[in-house]
Amino acid sequence: MTDSVDKVRSRTTGPLMGVAHGIIYGIVAAIVLLPVMVMLFVGMIRLLNWAIPGDVWIVYSLIALVMWIAGWISWSRRGRTESPG
């Protein structure tokens, strides 16, 4: 009897526990990484503002240009799908 209960448990709750662990680890990673990314971004702006003479808008423009180029490269490498029809 306990053998059949163990089989049912391993086939039902086993995969669900794996999914639950994955969700929890993803949430924890997002909670930790989001503030770290914000702090790195602010630090990068302050460092560039110190290194590049002039107003801070020059740094903002430089970062915007780099992100625009990265987005353009990513967009050009995306997988193209055929539209139906």
PDB file of N, CA and C in Angstrom:
ATOM      1  N   MET A   1       0.816  -1.197   0.000  1.00  0.00           N
ATOM      2  CA  MET A   1       0.000   0.000   0.000  1.00  0.00           C
ATOM      3  C   MET A   1       0.860   1.261   0.000  1.00  0.00           C
ATOM      4  N   THR A   2       1.876   1.309   0.847  1.00  0.00           N
ATOM      5  CA  THR A   2       2.718   2.499   0.892  1.00  0.00           C
ATOM      6  C   THR A   2       3.528   2.644  -0.384  1.00  0.00           C
ATOM      7  N   ASP A   3       3.776   1.525  -1.054  1.00  0.00           N
ATOM      8  CA  ASP A   3       4.519   1.593  -2.304  1.00  0.00           C
ATOM      9  C   ASP A   3       3.720   2.353  -3.360  1.00  0.00           C
ATOM     10  N   SER A   4       2.427   2.094  -3.449  1.00  0.00           N
ATOM     11  CA  SER A   4       1.597   2.793  -4.431  1.00  0.00           C
ATOM     12  C   SER A   4       1.430   4.267  -4.056  1.00  0.00           C
ATOM     13  N   VAL A   5       1.357   4.569  -2.769  1.00  0.00           N
ATOM     14  CA  VAL A   5       1.270   5.968  -2.337  1.00  0.00           C
ATOM     15  C   VAL A   5       2.547   6.703  -2.708  1.00  0.00           C
ATOM     16  N   ASP A   6       3.685   6.067  -2.519  1.00  0.00           N
ATOM     17  CA  ASP A   6       4.955   6.696  -2.889  1.00  0.00           C
ATOM     18  C   ASP A   6       5.044   6.931  -4.392  1.00  0.00           C
ATOM     19  N   LYS A   7       4.524   6.007  -5.185  1.00  0.00           N
ATOM     20  CA  LYS A   7       4.540   6.177  -6.640  1.00  0.00           C
ATOM     21  C   LYS A   7       3.684   7.364  -7.052  1.00  0.00           C
ATOM     22  N   VAL A   8       2.490   7.459  -6.472  1.00  0.00           N
ATOM     23  CA  VAL A   8       1.604   8.575  -6.813  1.00  0.00           C
ATOM     24  C   VAL A   8       2.223   9.899  -6.374  1.00  0.00           C
ATOM     25  N   ARG A   9       2.790   9.927  -5.186  1.00  0.00           N
ATOM     26  CA  ARG A   9       3.415  11.148  -4.683  1.00  0.00           C
ATOM     27  C   ARG A   9       4.591  11.567  -5.562  1.00  0.00           C
ATOM     28  N   SER A  10       5.407  10.609  -5.973  1.00  0.00           N
ATOM     29  CA  SER A  10       6.576  10.947  -6.782  1.00  0.00           C
ATOM     30  C   SER A  10       6.177  11.441  -8.174  1.00  0.00           C
ATOM     31  N   ARG A  11       5.019  11.014  -8.658  1.00  0.00           N
ATOM     32  CA  ARG A  11       4.587  11.439  -9.997  1.00  0.00           C
ATOM     33  C   ARG A  11       3.766  12.719  -9.977  1.00  0.00           C
ATOM     34  N   THR A  12       3.226  13.098  -8.833  1.00  0.00           N
ATOM     35  CA  THR A  12       2.413  14.314  -8.772  1.00  0.00           C
ATOM     36  C   THR A  12       3.143  15.454  -8.083  1.00  0.00           C
ATOM     37  N   THR A  13       3.524  15.249  -6.853  1.00  0.00           N
ATOM     38  CA  THR A  13       4.138  16.353  -6.118  1.00  0.00           C
ATOM     39  C   THR A  13       5.605  16.551  -6.461  1.00  0.00           C
ATOM     40  N   GLY A  14       6.265  15.546  -6.969  1.00  0.00           N
ATOM     41  CA  GLY A  14       7.680  15.694  -7.336  1.00  0.00           C
ATOM     42  C   GLY A  14       7.893  16.768  -8.391  1.00  0.00           C
ATOM     43  N   PRO A  15       7.215  16.666  -9.540  1.00  0.00           N
ATOM     44  CA  PRO A  15       7.376  17.730 -10.549  1.00  0.00           C
ATOM     45  C   PRO A  15       6.866  19.089 -10.075  1.00  0.00           C
ATOM     46  N   LEU A  16       5.786  19.089  -9.283  1.00  0.00           N
ATOM     47  CA  LEU A  16       5.269  20.363  -8.784  1.00  0.00           C
ATOM     48  C   LEU A  16       6.251  21.030  -7.836  1.00  0.00           C
ATOM     49  N   MET A  17       6.931  20.247  -7.040  1.00  0.00           N
ATOM     50  CA  MET A  17       7.930  20.818  -6.141  1.00  0.00           C
ATOM     51  C   MET A  17       9.091  21.413  -6.937  1.00  0.00           C
ATOM     52  N   GLY A  18       9.469  20.744  -8.028  1.00  0.00           N
ATOM     53  CA  GLY A  18      10.524  21.298  -8.883  1.00  0.00           C
ATOM     54  C   GLY A  18      10.114  22.628  -9.490  1.00  0.00           C
ATOM     55  N   VAL A  19       8.865  22.723  -9.952  1.00  0.00           N
ATOM     56  CA  VAL A  19       8.367  23.973 -10.511  1.00  0.00           C
ATOM     57  C   VAL A  19       8.315  25.057  -9.435  1.00  0.00           C
ATOM     58  N   ALA A  20       7.842  24.688  -8.244  1.00  0.00           N
ATOM     59  CA  ALA A  20       7.765  25.659  -7.149  1.00  0.00           C
ATOM     60  C   ALA A  20       9.156  26.169  -6.763  1.00  0.00           C
ATOM     61  N   HIS A  21      10.126  25.272  -6.721  1.00  0.00           N
ATOM     62  CA  HIS A  21      11.491  25.705  -6.415  1.00  0.00           C
ATOM     63  C   HIS A  21      12.004  26.671  -7.486  1.00  0.00           C
ATOM     64  N   GLY A  22      11.741  26.365  -8.736  1.00  0.00           N
ATOM     65  CA  GLY A  22      12.168  27.252  -9.820  1.00  0.00           C
ATOM     66  C   GLY A  22      11.540  28.627  -9.725  1.00  0.00           C
ATOM     67  N   ILE A  23      10.249  28.679  -9.393  1.00  0.00           N
ATOM     68  CA  ILE A  23       9.565  29.964  -9.258  1.00  0.00           C
ATOM     69  C   ILE A  23      10.151  30.762  -8.097  1.00  0.00           C
ATOM     70  N   ILE A  24      10.360  30.095  -6.974  1.00  0.00           N
ATOM     71  CA  ILE A  24      10.906  30.790  -5.800  1.00  0.00           C
ATOM     72  C   ILE A  24      12.312  31.309  -6.083  1.00  0.00           C
ATOM     73  N   TYR A  25      13.156  30.485  -6.696  1.00  0.00           N
ATOM     74  CA  TYR A  25      14.514  30.942  -7.015  1.00  0.00           C
ATOM     75  C   TYR A  25      14.477  32.109  -7.999  1.00  0.00           C
ATOM     76  N   GLY A  26      13.563  32.082  -8.955  1.00  0.00           N
ATOM     77  CA  GLY A  26      13.433  33.197  -9.897  1.00  0.00           C
ATOM     78  C   GLY A  26      13.007  34.478  -9.221  1.00  0.00           C
ATOM     79  N   ILE A  27      12.061  34.383  -8.283  1.00  0.00           N
ATOM     80  CA  ILE A  27      11.609  35.573  -7.560  1.00  0.00           C
ATOM     81  C   ILE A  27      12.734  36.137  -6.700  1.00  0.00           C
ATOM     82  N   VAL A  28      13.446  35.272  -6.007  1.00  0.00           N
ATOM     83  CA  VAL A  28      14.562  35.733  -5.167  1.00  0.00           C
ATOM     84  C   VAL A  28      15.649  36.372  -6.032  1.00  0.00           C
ATOM     85  N   ALA A  29      15.949  35.776  -7.167  1.00  0.00           N
ATOM     86  CA  ALA A  29      16.962  36.347  -8.056  1.00  0.00           C
ATOM     87  C   ALA A  29      16.527  37.719  -8.561  1.00  0.00           C
ATOM     88  N   ALA A  30      15.258  37.872  -8.897  1.00  0.00           N
ATOM     89  CA  ALA A  30      14.770  39.170  -9.368  1.00  0.00           C
ATOM     90  C   ALA A  30      14.837  40.211  -8.262  1.00  0.00           C
ATOM     91  N   ILE A  31      14.483  39.815  -7.044  1.00  0.00           N
ATOM     92  CA  ILE A  31      14.514  40.762  -5.918  1.00  0.00           C
ATOM     93  C   ILE A  31      15.947  41.193  -5.623  1.00  0.00           C
ATOM     94  N   VAL A  32      16.902  40.301  -5.789  1.00  0.00           N
ATOM     95  CA  VAL A  32      18.299  40.639  -5.512  1.00  0.00           C
ATOM     96  C   VAL A  32      18.920  41.397  -6.681  1.00  0.00           C
ATOM     97  N   LEU A  33      18.656  40.968  -7.905  1.00  0.00           N
ATOM     98  CA  LEU A  33      19.339  41.543  -9.059  1.00  0.00           C
ATOM     99  C   LEU A  33      18.815  42.920  -9.458  1.00  0.00           C
ATOM    100  N   LEU A  34      17.545  43.198  -9.239  1.00  0.00           N
ATOM    101  CA  LEU A  34      17.010  44.495  -9.644  1.00  0.00           C
ATOM    102  C   LEU A  34      17.700  45.657  -8.931  1.00  0.00           C
ATOM    103  N   PRO A  35      17.815  45.651  -7.600  1.00  0.00           N
ATOM    104  CA  PRO A  35      18.547  46.760  -6.955  1.00  0.00           C
ATOM    105  C   PRO A  35      20.031  46.797  -7.331  1.00  0.00           C
ATOM    106  N   VAL A  36      20.629  45.642  -7.534  1.00  0.00           N
ATOM    107  CA  VAL A  36      22.043  45.614  -7.925  1.00  0.00           C
ATOM    108  C   VAL A  36      22.221  46.266  -9.287  1.00  0.00           C
ATOM    109  N   MET A  37      21.329  45.971 -10.221  1.00  0.00           N
ATOM    110  CA  MET A  37      21.427  46.573 -11.553  1.00  0.00           C
ATOM    111  C   MET A  37      21.215  48.087 -11.490  1.00  0.00           C
ATOM    112  N   VAL A  38      20.270  48.529 -10.671  1.00  0.00           N
ATOM    113  CA  VAL A  38      20.029  49.967 -10.532  1.00  0.00           C
ATOM    114  C   VAL A  38      21.270  50.648  -9.955  1.00  0.00           C
ATOM    115  N   MET A  39      21.867  50.047  -8.924  1.00  0.00           N
ATOM    116  CA  MET A  39      23.063  50.647  -8.318  1.00  0.00           C
ATOM    117  C   MET A  39      24.235  50.677  -9.300  1.00  0.00           C
ATOM    118  N   LEU A  40      24.395  49.622 -10.087  1.00  0.00           N
ATOM    119  CA  LEU A  40      25.462  49.617 -11.091  1.00  0.00           C
ATOM    120  C   LEU A  40      25.237  50.690 -12.148  1.00  0.00           C
ATOM    121  N   PHE A  41      23.994  50.862 -12.557  1.00  0.00           N
ATOM    122  CA  PHE A  41      23.669  51.870 -13.558  1.00  0.00           C
ATOM    123  C   PHE A  41      23.942  53.277 -13.016  1.00  0.00           C
ATOM    124  N   VAL A  42      23.534  53.545 -11.776  1.00  0.00           N
ATOM    125  CA  VAL A  42      23.792  54.855 -11.157  1.00  0.00           C
ATOM    126  C   VAL A  42      25.291  55.068 -11.000  1.00  0.00           C
ATOM    127  N   GLY A  43      26.013  54.039 -10.582  1.00  0.00           N
ATOM    128  CA  GLY A  43      27.457  54.154 -10.448  1.00  0.00           C
ATOM    129  C   GLY A  43      28.141  54.421 -11.772  1.00  0.00           C
ATOM    130  N   MET A  44      27.650  53.765 -12.840  1.00  0.00           N
ATOM    131  CA  MET A  44      28.222  53.991 -14.161  1.00  0.00           C
ATOM    132  C   MET A  44      27.993  55.437 -14.600  1.00  0.00           C
ATOM    133  N   ILE A  45      26.807  55.972 -14.335  1.00  0.00           N
ATOM    134  CA  ILE A  45      26.529  57.358 -14.706  1.00  0.00           C
ATOM    135  C   ILE A  45      27.433  58.317 -13.926  1.00  0.00           C
ATOM    136  N   ARG A  46      27.595  58.070 -12.630  1.00  0.00           N
ATOM    137  CA  ARG A  46      28.453  58.951 -11.820  1.00  0.00           C
ATOM    138  C   ARG A  46      29.917  58.868 -12.259  1.00  0.00           C
ATOM    139  N   LEU A  47      30.380  57.650 -12.572  1.00  0.00           N
ATOM    140  CA  LEU A  47      31.764  57.496 -13.015  1.00  0.00           C
ATOM    141  C   LEU A  47      31.991  58.198 -14.349  1.00  0.00           C
ATOM    142  N   LEU A  48      31.065  58.016 -15.284  1.00  0.00           N
ATOM    143  CA  LEU A  48      31.220  58.683 -16.576  1.00  0.00           C
ATOM    144  C   LEU A  48      31.092  60.198 -16.444  1.00  0.00           C
ATOM    145  N   ASN A  49      30.233  60.652 -15.546  1.00  0.00           N
ATOM    146  CA  ASN A  49      30.096  62.090 -15.331  1.00  0.00           C
ATOM    147  C   ASN A  49      31.387  62.681 -14.755  1.00  0.00           C
ATOM    148  N   TRP A  50      32.078  61.904 -13.942  1.00  0.00           N
ATOM    149  CA  TRP A  50      33.357  62.343 -13.408  1.00  0.00           C
ATOM    150  C   TRP A  50      34.451  62.308 -14.486  1.00  0.00           C
ATOM    151  N   ALA A  51      34.413  61.273 -15.343  1.00  0.00           N
ATOM    152  CA  ALA A  51      35.476  61.071 -16.332  1.00  0.00           C
ATOM    153  C   ALA A  51      35.330  61.975 -17.554  1.00  0.00           C
ATOM    154  N   ILE A  52      34.091  62.281 -17.941  1.00  0.00           N
ATOM    155  CA  ILE A  52      33.856  63.095 -19.134  1.00  0.00           C
ATOM    156  C   ILE A  52      33.536  64.513 -18.689  1.00  0.00           C
ATOM    157  N   PRO A  53      34.321  65.469 -19.112  1.00  0.00           N
ATOM    158  CA  PRO A  53      34.043  66.852 -18.694  1.00  0.00           C
ATOM    159  C   PRO A  53      32.775  67.372 -19.376  1.00  0.00           C
ATOM    160  N   GLY A  54      32.085  68.222 -18.673  1.00  0.00           N
ATOM    161  CA  GLY A  54      30.866  68.807 -19.217  1.00  0.00           C
ATOM    162  C   GLY A  54      29.669  68.464 -18.356  1.00  0.00           C
ATOM    163  N   ASP A  55      28.516  68.754 -18.906  1.00  0.00           N
ATOM    164  CA  ASP A  55      27.275  68.505 -18.172  1.00  0.00           C
ATOM    165  C   ASP A  55      26.901  67.030 -18.220  1.00  0.00           C
ATOM    166  N   VAL A  56      25.938  66.669 -17.356  1.00  0.00           N
ATOM    167  CA  VAL A  56      25.543  65.270 -17.246  1.00  0.00           C
ATOM    168  C   VAL A  56      24.744  64.825 -18.473  1.00  0.00           C
ATOM    169  N   TRP A  57      24.178  65.751 -19.241  1.00  0.00           N
ATOM    170  CA  TRP A  57      23.408  65.348 -20.403  1.00  0.00           C
ATOM    171  C   TRP A  57      24.293  64.679 -21.452  1.00  0.00           C
ATOM    172  N   ILE A  58      25.578  64.987 -21.440  1.00  0.00           N
ATOM    173  CA  ILE A  58      26.508  64.325 -22.374  1.00  0.00           C
ATOM    174  C   ILE A  58      26.606  62.842 -22.024  1.00  0.00           C
ATOM    175  N   VAL A  59      26.680  62.537 -20.735  1.00  0.00           N
ATOM    176  CA  VAL A  59      26.742  61.144 -20.279  1.00  0.00           C
ATOM    177  C   VAL A  59      25.441  60.424 -20.624  1.00  0.00           C
ATOM    178  N   TYR A  60      24.314  61.085 -20.373  1.00  0.00           N
ATOM    179  CA  TYR A  60      23.016  60.481 -20.709  1.00  0.00           C
ATOM    180  C   TYR A  60      22.920  60.200 -22.208  1.00  0.00           C
ATOM    181  N   SER A  61      23.397  61.130 -23.021  1.00  0.00           N
ATOM    182  CA  SER A  61      23.356  60.936 -24.474  1.00  0.00           C
ATOM    183  C   SER A  61      24.257  59.781 -24.906  1.00  0.00           C
ATOM    184  N   LEU A  62      25.429  59.682 -24.284  1.00  0.00           N
ATOM    185  CA  LEU A  62      26.345  58.597 -24.608  1.00  0.00           C
ATOM    186  C   LEU A  62      25.747  57.239 -24.243  1.00  0.00           C
ATOM    187  N   ILE A  63      25.151  57.151 -23.047  1.00  0.00           N
ATOM    188  CA  ILE A  63      24.527  55.895 -22.623  1.00  0.00           C
ATOM    189  C   ILE A  63      23.345  55.556 -23.517  1.00  0.00           C
ATOM    190  N   ALA A  64      22.560  56.564 -23.886  1.00  0.00           N
ATOM    191  CA  ALA A  64      21.427  56.331 -24.780  1.00  0.00           C
ATOM    192  C   ALA A  64      21.905  55.827 -26.144  1.00  0.00           C
ATOM    193  N   LEU A  65      22.996  56.378 -26.638  1.00  0.00           N
ATOM    194  CA  LEU A  65      23.535  55.933 -27.928  1.00  0.00           C
ATOM    195  C   LEU A  65      24.009  54.485 -27.853  1.00  0.00           C
ATOM    196  N   VAL A  66      24.698  54.127 -26.774  1.00  0.00           N
ATOM    197  CA  VAL A  66      25.175  52.747 -26.608  1.00  0.00           C
ATOM    198  C   VAL A  66      23.993  51.784 -26.520  1.00  0.00           C
ATOM    199  N   MET A  67      22.960  52.151 -25.765  1.00  0.00           N
ATOM    200  CA  MET A  67      21.784  51.277 -25.651  1.00  0.00           C
ATOM    201  C   MET A  67      21.026  51.190 -26.963  1.00  0.00           C
ATOM    202  N   TRP A  68      20.963  52.289 -27.708  1.00  0.00           N
ATOM    203  CA  TRP A  68      20.300  52.270 -28.996  1.00  0.00           C
ATOM    204  C   TRP A  68      21.031  51.335 -29.958  1.00  0.00           C
ATOM    205  N   ILE A  69      22.348  51.394 -29.963  1.00  0.00           N
ATOM    206  CA  ILE A  69      23.134  50.515 -30.832  1.00  0.00           C
ATOM    207  C   ILE A  69      22.951  49.052 -30.415  1.00  0.00           C
ATOM    208  N   ALA A  70      22.961  48.780 -29.109  1.00  0.00           N
ATOM    209  CA  ALA A  70      22.753  47.408 -28.630  1.00  0.00           C
ATOM    210  C   ALA A  70      21.361  46.905 -29.012  1.00  0.00           C
ATOM    211  N   GLY A  71      20.347  47.756 -28.893  1.00  0.00           N
ATOM    212  CA  GLY A  71      19.003  47.370 -29.298  1.00  0.00           C
ATOM    213  C   GLY A  71      18.897  47.141 -30.788  1.00  0.00           C
ATOM    214  N   TRP A  72      19.555  47.977 -31.570  1.00  0.00           N
ATOM    215  CA  TRP A  72      19.526  47.830 -33.022  1.00  0.00           C
ATOM    216  C   TRP A  72      20.191  46.521 -33.448  1.00  0.00           C
ATOM    217  N   ILE A  73      21.316  46.187 -32.822  1.00  0.00           N
ATOM    218  CA  ILE A  73      22.003  44.929 -33.132  1.00  0.00           C
ATOM    219  C   ILE A  73      21.132  43.739 -32.724  1.00  0.00           C
ATOM    220  N   SER A  74      20.526  43.813 -31.537  1.00  0.00           N
ATOM    221  CA  SER A  74      19.652  42.722 -31.085  1.00  0.00           C
ATOM    222  C   SER A  74      18.455  42.566 -32.005  1.00  0.00           C
ATOM    223  N   TRP A  75      17.879  43.676 -32.435  1.00  0.00           N
ATOM    224  CA  TRP A  75      16.711  43.628 -33.307  1.00  0.00           C
ATOM    225  C   TRP A  75      17.078  43.046 -34.672  1.00  0.00           C
ATOM    226  N   SER A  76      18.273  43.359 -35.160  1.00  0.00           N
ATOM    227  CA  SER A  76      18.666  42.839 -36.471  1.00  0.00           C
ATOM    228  C   SER A  76      18.983  41.347 -36.418  1.00  0.00           C
ATOM    229  N   ARG A  77      19.305  40.806 -35.246  1.00  0.00           N
ATOM    230  CA  ARG A  77      19.618  39.383 -35.110  1.00  0.00           C
ATOM    231  C   ARG A  77      18.434  38.542 -34.645  1.00  0.00           C
ATOM    232  N   ARG A  78      17.264  39.121 -34.523  1.00  0.00           N
ATOM    233  CA  ARG A  78      16.105  38.373 -34.040  1.00  0.00           C
ATOM    234  C   ARG A  78      15.702  37.324 -35.061  1.00  0.00           C
ATOM    235  N   GLY A  79      15.016  36.312 -34.582  1.00  0.00           N
ATOM    236  CA  GLY A  79      14.535  35.275 -35.481  1.00  0.00           C
ATOM    237  C   GLY A  79      13.332  35.747 -36.248  1.00  0.00           C
ATOM    238  N   ARG A  80      13.404  35.647 -37.521  1.00  0.00           N
ATOM    239  CA  ARG A  80      12.282  36.093 -38.352  1.00  0.00           C
ATOM    240  C   ARG A  80      11.334  34.926 -38.556  1.00  0.00           C
ATOM    241  N   THR A  81      10.061  35.183 -38.341  1.00  0.00           N
ATOM    242  CA  THR A  81       9.043  34.155 -38.548  1.00  0.00           C
ATOM    243  C   THR A  81       8.224  34.504 -39.787  1.00  0.00           C
ATOM    244  N   GLU A  82       7.800  33.481 -40.464  1.00  0.00           N
ATOM    245  CA  GLU A  82       6.970  33.674 -41.657  1.00  0.00           C
ATOM    246  C   GLU A  82       5.565  33.990 -41.237  1.00  0.00           C
ATOM    247  N   SER A  83       4.974  35.001 -41.817  1.00  0.00           N
ATOM    248  CA  SER A  83       3.583  35.311 -41.520  1.00  0.00           C
ATOM    249  C   SER A  83       2.670  34.397 -42.342  1.00  0.00           C
ATOM    250  N   PRO A  84       1.585  33.912 -41.727  1.00  0.00           N
ATOM    251  CA  PRO A  84       0.689  33.036 -42.467  1.00  0.00           C
ATOM    252  C   PRO A  84      -0.056  33.801 -43.554  1.00  0.00           C
ATOM    253  N   GLY A  85      -0.167  33.170 -44.707  1.00  0.00           N
ATOM    254  CA  GLY A  85      -0.963  33.788 -45.769  1.00  0.00           C
ATOM    255  C   GLY A  85      -0.219  34.205 -46.922  1.00  0.00           C
TER     256      GLY A  85
END
